[in-house]
Amino acid sequence: MVNGAIALSIVVPPFVQYQSPIVPLRGLWNAQPGEGDRFVTCEIDWSVTTGPGMAVQFALSGNSPVALSQIVAFNVDNTRNAVDVSFLFPDSGYTLLVPAYSQGVFPVFTNALMFYATAPGADAGDRTVFQVLNSMPPPVSIARTQEQETASVVGFSLETTGTYPVIAAGINGTLILAQMNFVLPPDVAGDFAQVALEDGNGRALWVGLLASSAAEGNVLVSLGPVRIGFVNGVVFNVLRTALPPSGASGGTVNVYYESP
């Protein structure tokens, strides 16, 4: 106890000394831009703007009609993108990572007017819109939607491969919960059906293997609570099947989701 206060011990793990030079860079968040408060808006359609695995370079000092003297913050809307987007600032080594299906206002740390954006794995329809600001905006709160919607599919067979729409094509959102009930016919061991939930771009959200047993019965599957983004709807797929054509298989798939 020191001067009546309790001293808390700190355990330092084994360490090595940091060897690289520590160079202070100028912070711009309180610097007033000479051109006044301005911003530019950029939009990336990842399937059109770039090729697979490529980044997009932005040089605001060269191809922007608005003369910005500094970059201080980003306002990023990544709610229409099924993968994370990264903004890379080579001069400072700073990376801003914005998760899929999210948005927000973020400070950035750079002294340059050139940066890169990349979204590995982005597919057709994935899009990111963002504003580059030359001054720090006031704090804002962007609330996540609390509205939850449901969708379901019934009347499918597990004895043949097929695709069954669950959430209509054109809807993007976040999968919250999936409750599935499958009916399997009685058969010898070894018969099975491989099933999956996929979004409209073919991205797997869940994959399962349903094994037949000697007695007919129900197989209950609950996925969640989760937060899995999807694009262009959700479908239920019977990918492979070795169940006999008895006509006794089927089930229901119920999903709960949020849409942006």
Protein backbone atom coordinates (compact mmCIF):
# COMPACT_ATOMS: atom_id res chain seq x y z
CA MET A 1 0.00 0.00 0.00
CA VAL A 2 1.36 3.40 -1.04
CA ASN A 3 -0.06 6.56 0.65
CA GLY A 4 -3.21 4.69 1.54
CA ALA A 5 -3.73 3.37 -2.01
CA ILE A 6 -3.40 -0.25 -3.06
CA ALA A 7 -0.53 -0.83 -5.48
CA LEU A 8 -1.45 -3.33 -8.19
CA SER A 9 1.33 -5.58 -9.42
CA ILE A 10 2.05 -5.87 -13.13
CA VAL A 11 3.56 -9.05 -14.53
CA VAL A 12 5.83 -8.34 -17.52
CA PRO A 13 6.26 -11.37 -19.81
CA PRO A 14 9.60 -12.17 -21.47
CA PHE A 15 10.34 -9.47 -24.06
CA VAL A 16 12.72 -8.22 -26.71
CA GLN A 17 13.72 -4.61 -27.30
CA TYR A 18 12.00 -2.82 -30.20
CA GLN A 19 14.74 -2.25 -32.78
CA SER A 20 13.18 -0.06 -35.49
CA PRO A 21 13.55 3.73 -35.39
CA ILE A 22 10.66 5.53 -33.70
CA VAL A 23 9.93 8.53 -35.90
CA PRO A 24 7.20 10.98 -34.82
CA LEU A 25 4.90 12.07 -37.65
CA ARG A 26 2.73 15.14 -37.68
CA GLY A 27 -0.83 14.60 -36.42
CA LEU A 28 -3.39 16.41 -38.57
CA TRP A 29 -6.64 15.93 -36.65
CA ASN A 30 -6.41 19.43 -35.11
CA ALA A 31 -4.83 21.12 -38.15
CA GLN A 32 -7.22 23.50 -39.91
CA PRO A 33 -7.10 22.94 -43.71
CA GLY A 34 -6.42 26.08 -45.71
CA GLU A 35 -9.13 25.16 -48.24
CA GLY A 36 -11.80 24.91 -45.54
CA ASP A 37 -13.75 21.83 -44.47
CA ARG A 38 -14.21 19.62 -47.53
CA PHE A 39 -14.70 15.99 -48.47
CA VAL A 40 -14.77 13.82 -51.58
CA THR A 41 -16.96 10.77 -52.21
CA CYS A 42 -15.60 7.58 -53.77
CA GLU A 43 -17.43 4.41 -54.76
CA ILE A 44 -15.85 1.04 -55.54
CA ASP A 45 -17.76 -1.68 -57.39
CA TRP A 46 -15.32 -4.46 -56.63
CA SER A 47 -16.26 -6.67 -59.58
CA VAL A 48 -15.86 -3.78 -62.05
CA THR A 49 -13.18 -1.46 -60.62
CA THR A 50 -10.58 -4.14 -59.95
CA GLY A 51 -9.58 -7.67 -60.87
CA PRO A 52 -9.32 -10.53 -58.33
CA GLY A 53 -6.81 -9.77 -55.59
CA MET A 54 -6.10 -6.25 -56.87
CA ALA A 55 -6.13 -2.99 -54.90
CA VAL A 56 -7.45 0.42 -55.95
CA GLN A 57 -5.07 3.39 -55.72
CA PHE A 58 -6.40 6.84 -54.84
CA ALA A 59 -4.20 9.90 -55.44
CA LEU A 60 -6.18 12.95 -54.32
CA SER A 61 -3.39 15.30 -55.35
CA GLY A 62 -3.58 14.10 -58.95
CA ASN A 63 -7.07 13.07 -60.08
CA SER A 64 -9.36 14.86 -57.62
CA PRO A 65 -11.12 18.05 -58.77
CA VAL A 66 -11.24 19.18 -55.12
CA ALA A 67 -7.90 20.39 -53.79
CA LEU A 68 -7.39 18.73 -50.41
CA SER A 69 -4.30 19.55 -48.40
CA GLN A 70 -4.70 16.70 -45.89
CA ILE A 71 -6.61 13.51 -45.06
CA VAL A 72 -7.91 13.26 -41.51
CA ALA A 73 -10.93 10.92 -41.44
CA PHE A 74 -13.01 8.48 -43.48
CA ASN A 75 -16.75 7.90 -43.45
CA VAL A 76 -17.13 4.35 -44.80
CA ASP A 77 -20.32 2.54 -45.85
CA ASN A 78 -19.36 -1.12 -46.30
CA THR A 79 -22.88 -2.46 -45.71
CA ARG A 80 -23.18 -3.64 -49.33
CA ASN A 81 -19.93 -5.62 -49.24
CA ALA A 82 -19.78 -9.25 -48.07
CA VAL A 83 -16.06 -9.04 -47.19
CA ASP A 84 -13.87 -6.73 -45.12
CA VAL A 85 -12.30 -3.72 -46.84
CA SER A 86 -8.83 -2.41 -45.90
CA PHE A 87 -7.45 1.07 -46.55
CA LEU A 88 -3.65 1.12 -46.66
CA PHE A 89 -1.51 4.23 -46.02
CA PRO A 90 2.09 3.44 -47.05
CA ASP A 91 3.64 6.64 -45.67
CA SER A 92 2.63 5.87 -42.07
CA GLY A 93 2.11 2.12 -42.28
CA TYR A 94 -1.44 2.57 -41.00
CA THR A 95 -4.24 0.18 -42.07
CA LEU A 96 -7.92 0.91 -41.55
CA LEU A 97 -9.99 -2.30 -41.57
CA VAL A 98 -13.78 -1.95 -41.95
CA PRO A 99 -15.69 -5.23 -41.48
CA ALA A 100 -18.22 -6.57 -43.96
CA TYR A 101 -21.76 -5.20 -43.63
CA SER A 102 -20.69 -2.35 -41.36
CA GLN A 103 -20.23 1.40 -41.52
CA GLY A 104 -18.78 4.21 -39.45
CA VAL A 105 -16.65 7.34 -39.20
CA PHE A 106 -12.96 6.59 -38.58
CA PRO A 107 -9.88 8.77 -37.97
CA VAL A 108 -6.94 7.93 -40.23
CA PHE A 109 -3.27 8.56 -39.63
CA THR A 110 -1.34 9.73 -42.68
CA ASN A 111 0.57 12.74 -43.94
CA ALA A 112 0.05 11.82 -47.60
CA LEU A 113 -2.76 12.25 -50.14
CA MET A 114 -2.32 8.78 -51.67
CA PHE A 115 -3.69 5.51 -50.30
CA TYR A 116 -4.94 2.09 -51.42
CA ALA A 117 -8.15 0.14 -50.87
CA THR A 118 -8.39 -3.63 -51.07
CA ALA A 119 -11.10 -6.24 -50.38
CA PRO A 120 -9.76 -9.76 -51.04
CA GLY A 121 -12.55 -12.18 -51.89
CA ALA A 122 -15.03 -9.51 -53.02
CA ASP A 123 -17.48 -10.79 -55.62
CA ALA A 124 -19.97 -9.44 -58.15
CA GLY A 125 -22.33 -6.97 -56.50
CA ASP A 126 -20.01 -6.13 -53.60
CA ARG A 127 -19.65 -2.37 -53.23
CA THR A 128 -18.02 0.14 -50.87
CA VAL A 129 -18.82 3.85 -50.68
CA PHE A 130 -16.73 6.22 -48.59
CA GLN A 131 -16.02 9.89 -48.00
CA VAL A 132 -12.50 11.27 -47.52
CA LEU A 133 -12.57 14.22 -45.07
CA ASN A 134 -9.91 16.88 -44.60
CA SER A 135 -11.12 17.75 -41.08
CA MET A 136 -12.38 15.78 -38.11
CA PRO A 137 -16.21 15.66 -37.99
CA PRO A 138 -18.11 15.78 -34.69
CA PRO A 139 -18.85 12.45 -32.99
CA VAL A 140 -21.74 10.53 -34.54
CA SER A 141 -23.56 7.34 -33.54
CA ILE A 142 -24.68 4.90 -36.22
CA ALA A 143 -27.09 2.41 -34.68
CA ARG A 144 -27.48 -1.11 -36.03
CA THR A 145 -30.99 -1.95 -37.16
CA GLN A 146 -32.98 -3.97 -34.63
CA GLU A 147 -35.63 -5.10 -37.11
CA GLN A 148 -35.56 -8.85 -37.57
CA GLU A 149 -37.22 -10.65 -40.45
CA THR A 150 -37.98 -14.31 -41.11
CA ALA A 151 -38.15 -16.56 -44.15
CA SER A 152 -38.67 -20.27 -44.68
CA VAL A 153 -38.84 -23.07 -47.22
CA VAL A 154 -40.78 -26.35 -47.07
CA GLY A 155 -41.63 -29.15 -49.45
CA PHE A 156 -38.14 -30.11 -50.59
CA SER A 157 -36.78 -33.61 -51.07
CA LEU A 158 -33.44 -34.82 -49.76
CA GLU A 159 -33.37 -37.69 -52.26
CA THR A 160 -32.41 -35.55 -55.26
CA THR A 161 -30.06 -32.61 -55.61
CA GLY A 162 -31.72 -29.23 -55.92
CA THR A 163 -31.76 -25.55 -54.98
CA TYR A 164 -34.61 -23.97 -53.01
CA PRO A 165 -34.87 -20.19 -52.41
CA VAL A 166 -35.26 -19.16 -48.76
CA ILE A 167 -34.63 -15.39 -48.80
CA ALA A 168 -35.52 -13.74 -52.10
CA ALA A 169 -32.74 -12.79 -54.51
CA GLY A 170 -31.75 -9.13 -54.37
CA ILE A 171 -31.89 -8.91 -50.56
CA ASN A 172 -28.63 -8.34 -48.66
CA GLY A 173 -28.34 -8.66 -44.90
CA THR A 174 -27.07 -10.57 -41.87
CA LEU A 175 -28.14 -14.08 -40.92
CA ILE A 176 -29.02 -14.21 -37.20
CA LEU A 177 -30.44 -17.70 -36.67
CA ALA A 178 -31.42 -20.78 -38.70
CA GLN A 179 -33.63 -23.58 -37.38
CA MET A 180 -33.91 -26.66 -39.59
CA ASN A 181 -35.89 -29.88 -39.19
CA PHE A 182 -35.08 -32.75 -41.56
CA VAL A 183 -37.00 -36.01 -42.00
CA LEU A 184 -34.90 -38.96 -43.13
CA PRO A 185 -36.29 -42.28 -44.41
CA PRO A 186 -35.35 -45.53 -42.67
CA ASP A 187 -32.42 -47.24 -44.34
CA VAL A 188 -29.19 -49.01 -43.73
CA ALA A 189 -26.21 -47.12 -42.37
CA GLY A 190 -24.13 -45.25 -44.93
CA ASP A 191 -26.89 -43.38 -46.75
CA PHE A 192 -26.60 -39.60 -46.40
CA ALA A 193 -27.46 -36.19 -47.82
CA GLN A 194 -25.08 -33.22 -47.91
CA VAL A 195 -26.94 -29.93 -47.59
CA ALA A 196 -25.99 -26.27 -47.32
CA LEU A 197 -27.22 -22.72 -46.87
CA GLU A 198 -25.62 -20.40 -49.43
CA ASP A 199 -26.12 -16.78 -50.42
CA GLY A 200 -27.03 -15.71 -53.93
CA ASN A 201 -23.35 -15.37 -54.87
CA GLY A 202 -22.66 -19.02 -54.00
CA ARG A 203 -20.90 -18.24 -50.70
CA ALA A 204 -21.46 -21.03 -48.14
CA LEU A 205 -23.11 -19.89 -44.89
CA TRP A 206 -23.50 -23.41 -43.43
CA VAL A 207 -22.83 -26.96 -44.65
CA GLY A 208 -24.16 -30.12 -43.01
CA LEU A 209 -24.12 -33.89 -43.52
CA LEU A 210 -27.37 -35.70 -42.69
CA ALA A 211 -26.89 -39.42 -42.03
CA SER A 212 -29.70 -41.92 -42.41
CA SER A 213 -30.40 -44.42 -39.63
CA ALA A 214 -32.15 -47.74 -39.33
CA ALA A 215 -35.34 -46.06 -38.15
CA GLU A 216 -37.08 -43.05 -39.65
CA GLY A 217 -36.70 -39.94 -37.55
CA ASN A 218 -36.21 -36.21 -37.36
CA VAL A 219 -32.85 -34.45 -37.39
CA LEU A 220 -32.98 -31.01 -35.74
CA VAL A 221 -30.27 -28.47 -36.60
CA SER A 222 -29.99 -25.03 -34.98
CA LEU A 223 -27.46 -22.54 -36.34
CA GLY A 224 -27.03 -19.55 -34.10
CA PRO A 225 -27.17 -17.07 -32.74
CA VAL A 226 -24.69 -15.93 -35.38
CA ARG A 227 -23.95 -12.85 -37.46
CA ILE A 228 -23.13 -14.02 -40.99
CA GLY A 229 -23.46 -11.56 -43.87
CA PHE A 230 -25.15 -12.61 -47.10
CA VAL A 231 -25.60 -11.04 -50.54
CA ASN A 232 -28.42 -11.51 -53.05
CA GLY A 233 -30.65 -13.70 -50.92
CA VAL A 234 -30.19 -17.14 -49.36
CA VAL A 235 -30.90 -20.58 -50.84
CA PHE A 236 -31.06 -24.10 -49.37
CA ASN A 237 -29.09 -26.57 -51.45
CA VAL A 238 -29.11 -30.36 -51.52
CA LEU A 239 -25.55 -30.75 -52.79
CA ARG A 240 -25.15 -34.55 -52.76
CA THR A 241 -27.42 -37.41 -51.78
CA ALA A 242 -27.23 -41.15 -51.36
CA LEU A 243 -30.71 -41.56 -49.94
CA PRO A 244 -32.97 -44.08 -51.72
CA PRO A 245 -35.93 -42.71 -53.72
CA SER A 246 -38.53 -43.56 -51.09
CA GLY A 247 -40.38 -40.24 -51.13
CA ALA A 248 -40.21 -40.12 -47.34
CA SER A 249 -37.62 -37.36 -46.91
CA GLY A 250 -38.15 -33.63 -46.49
CA GLY A 251 -38.26 -30.98 -43.82
CA THR A 252 -38.41 -27.26 -43.11
CA VAL A 253 -35.79 -24.51 -43.02
CA ASN A 254 -36.53 -21.31 -41.09
CA VAL A 255 -34.09 -18.39 -41.05
CA TYR A 256 -34.07 -15.12 -39.11
CA TYR A 257 -32.12 -12.17 -40.49
CA GLU A 258 -31.54 -8.42 -40.51
CA SER A 259 -31.44 -6.40 -43.71
CA PRO A 260 -29.50 -3.10 -44.02
